[in-house]
Amino acid sequence: MLFRISDKARAGFSICCLVGLPSRRPRPLSFGPCVLGLALLTLLAACVPATQSTGVLLEEQVVDGLTIGFEAVESPELNAAQELFVTLSDADGNPVENADVYFDLTMPAMPMGTNRPVAEHMGEGRYRVGNAVFDMTGDWEIFIVVEHAGVERRAMFTRTVNE
């Protein structure tokens, strides 16, 4: 879409809007609709949370017949609470209910204190942590620890936290 100020400015400015290829006769537009459109676009852009600009990555690992699915943003924000999701299913694809699930978040390059948020059971094999915090930039290892039917299973995933 192209905009140009018309050659003949009458009482005030008018803007001619060319859509696509230039036509023989551009249609004049008043400032009102253009300003309103720009204001609406600005408002919509301001309403989108920063975490949505990063893609969500879904990964799976099978550990001793248990499928552990991990869903989180591809590049977590620094020092901000993150949502992490786990989906558990057995070898037949059935959801695994009432497991104990927690995350063990570690940074191999800079060993720190324990960071083990516990996941809440949401139903249908889904578990959620809403307060995982990555407090340094760099590569992180995210261990998902699942305890179910007296057996502990671990899956490891990675994420990189940028500034």
C-alpha atoms as a PDB file:
ATOM      1  CA  MET A   1       0.000   0.000   0.000  1.00  0.00           C
ATOM      2  CA  LEU A   2       1.443   3.383  -0.992  1.00  0.00           C
ATOM      3  CA  PHE A   3       0.527   6.807   0.401  1.00  0.00           C
ATOM      4  CA  ARG A   4       1.400  10.208  -1.058  1.00  0.00           C
ATOM      5  CA  ILE A   5       0.340  13.762  -0.412  1.00  0.00           C
ATOM      6  CA  SER A   6      -1.794  15.009  -3.289  1.00  0.00           C
ATOM      7  CA  ASP A   7      -0.450  17.726  -5.541  1.00  0.00           C
ATOM      8  CA  LYS A   8      -3.501  19.887  -4.993  1.00  0.00           C
ATOM      9  CA  ALA A   9      -3.932  20.589  -1.313  1.00  0.00           C
ATOM     10  CA  ARG A  10      -7.335  22.146  -0.858  1.00  0.00           C
ATOM     11  CA  ALA A  11      -8.704  23.292   2.502  1.00  0.00           C
ATOM     12  CA  GLY A  12      -6.268  21.219   4.556  1.00  0.00           C
ATOM     13  CA  PHE A  13      -4.301  18.173   3.523  1.00  0.00           C
ATOM     14  CA  SER A  14      -5.698  15.178   1.712  1.00  0.00           C
ATOM     15  CA  ILE A  15      -3.941  11.909   1.227  1.00  0.00           C
ATOM     16  CA  CYS A  16      -4.230   9.747  -1.818  1.00  0.00           C
ATOM     17  CA  CYS A  17      -4.025   6.056  -1.212  1.00  0.00           C
ATOM     18  CA  LEU A  18      -2.796   3.745  -3.915  1.00  0.00           C
ATOM     19  CA  VAL A  19      -3.517   0.078  -3.414  1.00  0.00           C
ATOM     20  CA  GLY A  20      -1.432  -2.406  -5.373  1.00  0.00           C
ATOM     21  CA  LEU A  21      -0.146  -1.062  -8.654  1.00  0.00           C
ATOM     22  CA  PRO A  22      -0.724   2.644  -9.301  1.00  0.00           C
ATOM     23  CA  SER A  23      -4.086   3.196 -10.952  1.00  0.00           C
ATOM     24  CA  ARG A  24      -5.024   5.954 -13.372  1.00  0.00           C
ATOM     25  CA  ARG A  25      -6.831   7.951 -10.748  1.00  0.00           C
ATOM     26  CA  PRO A  26      -5.957   7.628  -7.077  1.00  0.00           C
ATOM     27  CA  ARG A  27      -8.762   7.848  -4.547  1.00  0.00           C
ATOM     28  CA  PRO A  28      -8.410  10.629  -1.983  1.00  0.00           C
ATOM     29  CA  LEU A  29      -8.635   9.655   1.667  1.00  0.00           C
ATOM     30  CA  SER A  30      -9.072  12.003   4.533  1.00  0.00           C
ATOM     31  CA  PHE A  31      -6.707  11.929   7.516  1.00  0.00           C
ATOM     32  CA  GLY A  32      -9.447  10.579   9.821  1.00  0.00           C
ATOM     33  CA  PRO A  33      -9.620   6.939   8.602  1.00  0.00           C
ATOM     34  CA  CYS A  34      -5.824   6.708   8.224  1.00  0.00           C
ATOM     35  CA  VAL A  35      -5.165   8.041  11.731  1.00  0.00           C
ATOM     36  CA  LEU A  36      -7.873   5.790  13.156  1.00  0.00           C
ATOM     37  CA  GLY A  37      -6.391   2.766  11.382  1.00  0.00           C
ATOM     38  CA  LEU A  38      -2.883   3.522  12.607  1.00  0.00           C
ATOM     39  CA  ALA A  39      -4.151   4.039  16.161  1.00  0.00           C
ATOM     40  CA  LEU A  40      -5.991   0.706  16.041  1.00  0.00           C
ATOM     41  CA  LEU A  41      -2.895  -1.143  14.774  1.00  0.00           C
ATOM     42  CA  THR A  42      -0.757   0.462  17.484  1.00  0.00           C
ATOM     43  CA  LEU A  43      -3.278  -0.528  20.149  1.00  0.00           C
ATOM     44  CA  LEU A  44      -3.435  -4.124  18.909  1.00  0.00           C
ATOM     45  CA  ALA A  45       0.355  -4.404  18.832  1.00  0.00           C
ATOM     46  CA  ALA A  46       0.569  -3.108  22.406  1.00  0.00           C
ATOM     47  CA  CYS A  47      -1.891  -5.773  23.610  1.00  0.00           C
ATOM     48  CA  VAL A  48       0.226  -8.738  22.490  1.00  0.00           C
ATOM     49  CA  PRO A  49       2.415 -10.031  25.341  1.00  0.00           C
ATOM     50  CA  ALA A  50       6.136 -10.195  24.606  1.00  0.00           C
ATOM     51  CA  THR A  51       6.206 -13.957  25.187  1.00  0.00           C
ATOM     52  CA  GLN A  52       3.905 -14.502  22.223  1.00  0.00           C
ATOM     53  CA  SER A  53       6.507 -13.114  19.862  1.00  0.00           C
ATOM     54  CA  THR A  54       8.576 -16.200  20.599  1.00  0.00           C
ATOM     55  CA  GLY A  55       7.438 -19.507  19.157  1.00  0.00           C
ATOM     56  CA  VAL A  56       6.209 -22.311  21.361  1.00  0.00           C
ATOM     57  CA  LEU A  57       8.208 -25.498  21.017  1.00  0.00           C
ATOM     58  CA  LEU A  58       6.677 -28.929  21.639  1.00  0.00           C
ATOM     59  CA  GLU A  59       9.069 -31.835  22.133  1.00  0.00           C
ATOM     60  CA  GLU A  60       8.577 -35.450  23.206  1.00  0.00           C
ATOM     61  CA  GLN A  61      10.719 -38.223  24.626  1.00  0.00           C
ATOM     62  CA  VAL A  62       9.790 -41.806  25.410  1.00  0.00           C
ATOM     63  CA  VAL A  63      11.282 -43.083  28.680  1.00  0.00           C
ATOM     64  CA  ASP A  64      10.536 -46.705  29.670  1.00  0.00           C
ATOM     65  CA  GLY A  65       7.243 -46.716  27.729  1.00  0.00           C
ATOM     66  CA  LEU A  66       6.097 -43.339  29.072  1.00  0.00           C
ATOM     67  CA  THR A  67       5.821 -40.494  26.553  1.00  0.00           C
ATOM     68  CA  ILE A  68       6.820 -37.201  28.134  1.00  0.00           C
ATOM     69  CA  GLY A  69       5.781 -34.173  26.102  1.00  0.00           C
ATOM     70  CA  PHE A  70       7.283 -30.784  26.953  1.00  0.00           C
ATOM     71  CA  GLU A  71       5.737 -27.510  25.798  1.00  0.00           C
ATOM     72  CA  ALA A  72       7.264 -24.092  26.448  1.00  0.00           C
ATOM     73  CA  VAL A  73       8.428 -21.000  24.601  1.00  0.00           C
ATOM     74  CA  GLU A  74      11.476 -21.613  22.464  1.00  0.00           C
ATOM     75  CA  SER A  75      13.489 -18.847  24.125  1.00  0.00           C
ATOM     76  CA  PRO A  76      12.296 -18.082  27.672  1.00  0.00           C
ATOM     77  CA  GLU A  77      12.426 -14.544  29.045  1.00  0.00           C
ATOM     78  CA  LEU A  78      15.095 -13.606  31.546  1.00  0.00           C
ATOM     79  CA  ASN A  79      13.848 -13.155  35.156  1.00  0.00           C
ATOM     80  CA  ALA A  80      10.172 -13.600  34.283  1.00  0.00           C
ATOM     81  CA  ALA A  81       7.740 -16.291  35.405  1.00  0.00           C
ATOM     82  CA  GLN A  82       7.306 -18.814  32.607  1.00  0.00           C
ATOM     83  CA  GLU A  83       4.608 -21.394  31.986  1.00  0.00           C
ATOM     84  CA  LEU A  84       5.874 -24.904  31.327  1.00  0.00           C
ATOM     85  CA  PHE A  85       3.573 -27.762  30.328  1.00  0.00           C
ATOM     86  CA  VAL A  86       4.015 -31.533  30.411  1.00  0.00           C
ATOM     87  CA  THR A  87       1.805 -34.118  28.746  1.00  0.00           C
ATOM     88  CA  LEU A  88       2.131 -37.741  29.846  1.00  0.00           C
ATOM     89  CA  SER A  89       0.836 -40.800  27.997  1.00  0.00           C
ATOM     90  CA  ASP A  90       1.447 -44.521  28.350  1.00  0.00           C
ATOM     91  CA  ALA A  91       2.599 -46.931  25.629  1.00  0.00           C
ATOM     92  CA  ASP A  92      -0.996 -47.214  24.328  1.00  0.00           C
ATOM     93  CA  GLY A  93      -1.387 -43.430  24.084  1.00  0.00           C
ATOM     94  CA  ASN A  94      -3.650 -43.153  27.137  1.00  0.00           C
ATOM     95  CA  PRO A  95      -3.207 -40.083  29.382  1.00  0.00           C
ATOM     96  CA  VAL A  96      -1.293 -40.724  32.609  1.00  0.00           C
ATOM     97  CA  GLU A  97      -3.169 -39.248  35.553  1.00  0.00           C
ATOM     98  CA  ASN A  98      -2.126 -38.389  39.110  1.00  0.00           C
ATOM     99  CA  ALA A  99       1.622 -38.566  38.597  1.00  0.00           C
ATOM    100  CA  ASP A 100       4.008 -36.469  40.664  1.00  0.00           C
ATOM    101  CA  VAL A 101       5.776 -34.134  38.235  1.00  0.00           C
ATOM    102  CA  TYR A 102       8.424 -31.534  38.898  1.00  0.00           C
ATOM    103  CA  PHE A 103      11.069 -29.701  36.893  1.00  0.00           C
ATOM    104  CA  ASP A 104      14.753 -29.526  37.720  1.00  0.00           C
ATOM    105  CA  LEU A 105      16.108 -26.405  35.992  1.00  0.00           C
ATOM    106  CA  THR A 106      19.897 -26.301  35.800  1.00  0.00           C
ATOM    107  CA  MET A 107      22.485 -24.213  34.017  1.00  0.00           C
ATOM    108  CA  PRO A 108      25.552 -26.369  33.277  1.00  0.00           C
ATOM    109  CA  ALA A 109      27.863 -23.387  32.678  1.00  0.00           C
ATOM    110  CA  MET A 110      27.011 -21.801  36.040  1.00  0.00           C
ATOM    111  CA  PRO A 111      25.895 -24.233  38.742  1.00  0.00           C
ATOM    112  CA  MET A 112      23.436 -22.505  41.060  1.00  0.00           C
ATOM    113  CA  GLY A 113      21.035 -23.398  43.830  1.00  0.00           C
ATOM    114  CA  THR A 114      18.098 -25.729  43.471  1.00  0.00           C
ATOM    115  CA  ASN A 115      15.374 -24.617  41.069  1.00  0.00           C
ATOM    116  CA  ARG A 116      12.650 -27.284  41.143  1.00  0.00           C
ATOM    117  CA  PRO A 117       9.125 -25.997  40.503  1.00  0.00           C
ATOM    118  CA  VAL A 118       6.385 -28.581  41.086  1.00  0.00           C
ATOM    119  CA  ALA A 119       3.757 -29.090  38.391  1.00  0.00           C
ATOM    120  CA  GLU A 120       0.042 -29.090  39.102  1.00  0.00           C
ATOM    121  CA  HIS A 121      -2.201 -31.752  37.549  1.00  0.00           C
ATOM    122  CA  MET A 122      -4.656 -30.244  35.064  1.00  0.00           C
ATOM    123  CA  GLY A 123      -6.376 -33.458  33.923  1.00  0.00           C
ATOM    124  CA  GLU A 124      -6.162 -35.587  30.777  1.00  0.00           C
ATOM    125  CA  GLY A 125      -2.454 -36.232  31.313  1.00  0.00           C
ATOM    126  CA  ARG A 126      -1.498 -32.522  31.381  1.00  0.00           C
ATOM    127  CA  TYR A 127       0.594 -30.853  34.064  1.00  0.00           C
ATOM    128  CA  ARG A 128       1.553 -27.183  34.424  1.00  0.00           C
ATOM    129  CA  VAL A 129       4.078 -24.986  36.177  1.00  0.00           C
ATOM    130  CA  GLY A 130       3.290 -21.272  36.024  1.00  0.00           C
ATOM    131  CA  ASN A 131       6.266 -19.884  37.927  1.00  0.00           C
ATOM    132  CA  ALA A 132       9.466 -21.260  36.376  1.00  0.00           C
ATOM    133  CA  VAL A 133      12.158 -18.565  36.424  1.00  0.00           C
ATOM    134  CA  PHE A 134      15.379 -18.510  34.401  1.00  0.00           C
ATOM    135  CA  ASP A 135      17.603 -15.988  36.170  1.00  0.00           C
ATOM    136  CA  MET A 136      20.650 -15.960  33.874  1.00  0.00           C
ATOM    137  CA  THR A 137      21.235 -15.835  30.142  1.00  0.00           C
ATOM    138  CA  GLY A 138      22.692 -18.900  28.488  1.00  0.00           C
ATOM    139  CA  ASP A 139      21.903 -22.559  27.907  1.00  0.00           C
ATOM    140  CA  TRP A 140      19.660 -24.351  30.390  1.00  0.00           C
ATOM    141  CA  GLU A 141      18.903 -28.035  30.912  1.00  0.00           C
ATOM    142  CA  ILE A 142      15.308 -28.723  31.865  1.00  0.00           C
ATOM    143  CA  PHE A 143      14.826 -32.093  33.501  1.00  0.00           C
ATOM    144  CA  ILE A 144      11.252 -33.277  33.820  1.00  0.00           C
ATOM    145  CA  VAL A 145      10.972 -35.757  36.662  1.00  0.00           C
ATOM    146  CA  VAL A 146       7.894 -37.993  36.706  1.00  0.00           C
ATOM    147  CA  GLU A 147       7.063 -40.326  39.580  1.00  0.00           C
ATOM    148  CA  HIS A 148       4.208 -42.708  38.760  1.00  0.00           C
ATOM    149  CA  ALA A 149       3.307 -46.211  39.976  1.00  0.00           C
ATOM    150  CA  GLY A 150       6.456 -46.333  42.121  1.00  0.00           C
ATOM    151  CA  VAL A 151       8.801 -45.623  39.177  1.00  0.00           C
ATOM    152  CA  GLU A 152      10.785 -42.429  38.576  1.00  0.00           C
ATOM    153  CA  ARG A 153      11.484 -41.352  35.014  1.00  0.00           C
ATOM    154  CA  ARG A 154      13.486 -38.355  33.768  1.00  0.00           C
ATOM    155  CA  ALA A 155      13.588 -36.587  30.434  1.00  0.00           C
ATOM    156  CA  MET A 156      15.979 -33.761  29.591  1.00  0.00           C
ATOM    157  CA  PHE A 157      15.217 -30.842  27.273  1.00  0.00           C
ATOM    158  CA  THR A 158      17.171 -27.655  26.586  1.00  0.00           C
ATOM    159  CA  ARG A 159      16.368 -23.986  26.134  1.00  0.00           C
ATOM    160  CA  THR A 160      18.528 -20.904  25.615  1.00  0.00           C
ATOM    161  CA  VAL A 161      17.704 -17.733  27.557  1.00  0.00           C
ATOM    162  CA  ASN A 162      18.701 -14.510  25.808  1.00  0.00           C
ATOM    163  CA  GLU A 163      18.822 -10.969  27.174  1.00  0.00           C
END
